């Protein structure tokens, strides 16, 4: 049994937060999260920079990395600038 890890990600988006969050809250993203046992806890936008997003979620150790590796190209087509992604757990 793997340990559940809470991770905080920040990254830049190339659209508005409202456009990005509509994708993040979609059924398609829910299915992708379920596949990796990822449970989103919070998503928000920086007051200082409307292009900077924060996402907090819980998942078994290593699953978020697997998710990003498997879905990185797809994420990039949905306004996520992967080069700006920063993680803390």
C-alpha atoms as a PDB file:
ATOM      1  CA  UNK A   1       0.000   0.000   0.000  1.00  0.00           C
ATOM      2  CA  UNK A   2       1.463   3.343  -0.926  1.00  0.00           C
ATOM      3  CA  UNK A   3       1.444   6.433   1.170  1.00  0.00           C
ATOM      4  CA  UNK A   4      -0.766   9.320   0.113  1.00  0.00           C
ATOM      5  CA  UNK A   5       1.215  12.499  -0.559  1.00  0.00           C
ATOM      6  CA  UNK A   6      -0.151  16.037  -0.598  1.00  0.00           C
ATOM      7  CA  UNK A   7       1.494  18.043  -3.377  1.00  0.00           C
ATOM      8  CA  UNK A   8       1.404  21.736  -4.206  1.00  0.00           C
ATOM      9  CA  UNK A   9       2.022  22.717  -7.824  1.00  0.00           C
ATOM     10  CA  UNK A  10       2.374  26.181  -9.257  1.00  0.00           C
ATOM     11  CA  UNK A  11       2.630  26.927 -12.953  1.00  0.00           C
ATOM     12  CA  UNK A  12       1.773  29.519 -15.569  1.00  0.00           C
ATOM     13  CA  UNK A  13      -1.145  29.293 -17.941  1.00  0.00           C
ATOM     14  CA  UNK A  14      -1.437  30.840 -21.381  1.00  0.00           C
ATOM     15  CA  UNK A  15      -5.167  31.614 -21.067  1.00  0.00           C
ATOM     16  CA  UNK A  16      -7.424  33.173 -18.472  1.00  0.00           C
ATOM     17  CA  UNK A  17      -7.987  31.348 -15.206  1.00  0.00           C
ATOM     18  CA  UNK A  18     -11.681  30.946 -16.054  1.00  0.00           C
ATOM     19  CA  UNK A  19     -10.808  29.232 -19.345  1.00  0.00           C
ATOM     20  CA  UNK A  20      -8.240  26.983 -17.674  1.00  0.00           C
ATOM     21  CA  UNK A  21     -10.465  26.061 -14.720  1.00  0.00           C
ATOM     22  CA  UNK A  22     -13.300  25.047 -17.067  1.00  0.00           C
ATOM     23  CA  UNK A  23     -10.938  22.405 -18.460  1.00  0.00           C
ATOM     24  CA  UNK A  24      -9.564  21.413 -15.032  1.00  0.00           C
ATOM     25  CA  UNK A  25     -13.100  20.896 -13.691  1.00  0.00           C
ATOM     26  CA  UNK A  26     -14.226  18.863 -16.720  1.00  0.00           C
ATOM     27  CA  UNK A  27     -15.297  15.217 -16.726  1.00  0.00           C
ATOM     28  CA  UNK A  28     -12.319  14.369 -18.946  1.00  0.00           C
ATOM     29  CA  UNK A  29      -9.847  15.649 -16.362  1.00  0.00           C
ATOM     30  CA  UNK A  30     -11.791  13.869 -13.611  1.00  0.00           C
ATOM     31  CA  UNK A  31     -11.345  10.583 -15.515  1.00  0.00           C
ATOM     32  CA  UNK A  32      -7.624  11.234 -15.984  1.00  0.00           C
ATOM     33  CA  UNK A  33      -7.209  12.009 -12.262  1.00  0.00           C
ATOM     34  CA  UNK A  34      -9.154   8.892 -11.249  1.00  0.00           C
ATOM     35  CA  UNK A  35      -6.868   6.758 -13.433  1.00  0.00           C
ATOM     36  CA  UNK A  36      -3.905   7.857 -11.255  1.00  0.00           C
ATOM     37  CA  UNK A  37      -5.862   8.040  -7.971  1.00  0.00           C
ATOM     38  CA  UNK A  38      -5.323  11.818  -7.786  1.00  0.00           C
ATOM     39  CA  UNK A  39      -7.718  13.773  -5.569  1.00  0.00           C
ATOM     40  CA  UNK A  40      -7.718  17.530  -6.244  1.00  0.00           C
ATOM     41  CA  UNK A  41      -8.126  19.519  -3.020  1.00  0.00           C
ATOM     42  CA  UNK A  42      -7.791  23.114  -4.254  1.00  0.00           C
ATOM     43  CA  UNK A  43      -7.095  25.133  -7.381  1.00  0.00           C
ATOM     44  CA  UNK A  44      -6.701  28.890  -7.471  1.00  0.00           C
ATOM     45  CA  UNK A  45      -5.005  31.818  -9.111  1.00  0.00           C
ATOM     46  CA  UNK A  46      -2.414  34.282  -7.830  1.00  0.00           C
ATOM     47  CA  UNK A  47      -3.652  37.762  -6.876  1.00  0.00           C
ATOM     48  CA  UNK A  48      -0.406  39.257  -8.172  1.00  0.00           C
ATOM     49  CA  UNK A  49      -0.196  37.306 -11.429  1.00  0.00           C
ATOM     50  CA  UNK A  50      -3.431  36.184 -13.157  1.00  0.00           C
ATOM     51  CA  UNK A  51      -1.414  33.722 -15.271  1.00  0.00           C
ATOM     52  CA  UNK A  52      -0.019  31.845 -12.225  1.00  0.00           C
ATOM     53  CA  UNK A  53      -2.074  28.915 -10.932  1.00  0.00           C
ATOM     54  CA  UNK A  54      -1.787  26.800  -7.797  1.00  0.00           C
ATOM     55  CA  UNK A  55      -3.128  23.245  -7.540  1.00  0.00           C
ATOM     56  CA  UNK A  56      -3.099  21.155  -4.366  1.00  0.00           C
ATOM     57  CA  UNK A  57      -3.947  17.467  -4.462  1.00  0.00           C
ATOM     58  CA  UNK A  58      -3.357  14.116  -2.809  1.00  0.00           C
ATOM     59  CA  UNK A  59      -2.215  10.954  -4.531  1.00  0.00           C
ATOM     60  CA  UNK A  60      -0.149   7.849  -3.849  1.00  0.00           C
ATOM     61  CA  UNK A  61       3.580   8.589  -3.924  1.00  0.00           C
ATOM     62  CA  UNK A  62       4.839   8.893  -7.516  1.00  0.00           C
ATOM     63  CA  UNK A  63       1.411   9.026  -9.177  1.00  0.00           C
ATOM     64  CA  UNK A  64       1.479  12.749  -9.967  1.00  0.00           C
ATOM     65  CA  UNK A  65       4.821  12.349 -11.726  1.00  0.00           C
ATOM     66  CA  UNK A  66       3.378   9.444 -13.737  1.00  0.00           C
ATOM     67  CA  UNK A  67       0.304  11.554 -14.551  1.00  0.00           C
ATOM     68  CA  UNK A  68       2.392  14.485 -15.833  1.00  0.00           C
ATOM     69  CA  UNK A  69       4.657  12.183 -17.858  1.00  0.00           C
ATOM     70  CA  UNK A  70       1.656  10.470 -19.467  1.00  0.00           C
ATOM     71  CA  UNK A  71      -0.412  13.632 -19.975  1.00  0.00           C
ATOM     72  CA  UNK A  72       2.173  16.405 -20.441  1.00  0.00           C
ATOM     73  CA  UNK A  73       1.570  16.852 -24.166  1.00  0.00           C
ATOM     74  CA  UNK A  74      -2.184  16.945 -23.571  1.00  0.00           C
ATOM     75  CA  UNK A  75      -1.747  19.455 -20.712  1.00  0.00           C
ATOM     76  CA  UNK A  76       0.349  21.719 -22.931  1.00  0.00           C
ATOM     77  CA  UNK A  77      -2.481  21.880 -25.469  1.00  0.00           C
ATOM     78  CA  UNK A  78      -4.727  23.189 -22.674  1.00  0.00           C
ATOM     79  CA  UNK A  79      -2.788  26.355 -21.840  1.00  0.00           C
ATOM     80  CA  UNK A  80      -0.404  24.872 -19.233  1.00  0.00           C
ATOM     81  CA  UNK A  81       3.194  26.062 -19.573  1.00  0.00           C
ATOM     82  CA  UNK A  82       4.973  22.951 -18.259  1.00  0.00           C
ATOM     83  CA  UNK A  83       8.354  24.729 -18.230  1.00  0.00           C
ATOM     84  CA  UNK A  84       7.101  26.878 -15.324  1.00  0.00           C
ATOM     85  CA  UNK A  85       5.835  23.992 -13.177  1.00  0.00           C
ATOM     86  CA  UNK A  86       7.148  23.876  -9.610  1.00  0.00           C
ATOM     87  CA  UNK A  87       6.246  21.190  -7.055  1.00  0.00           C
ATOM     88  CA  UNK A  88       6.504  20.791  -3.333  1.00  0.00           C
ATOM     89  CA  UNK A  89       5.200  17.847  -1.322  1.00  0.00           C
END
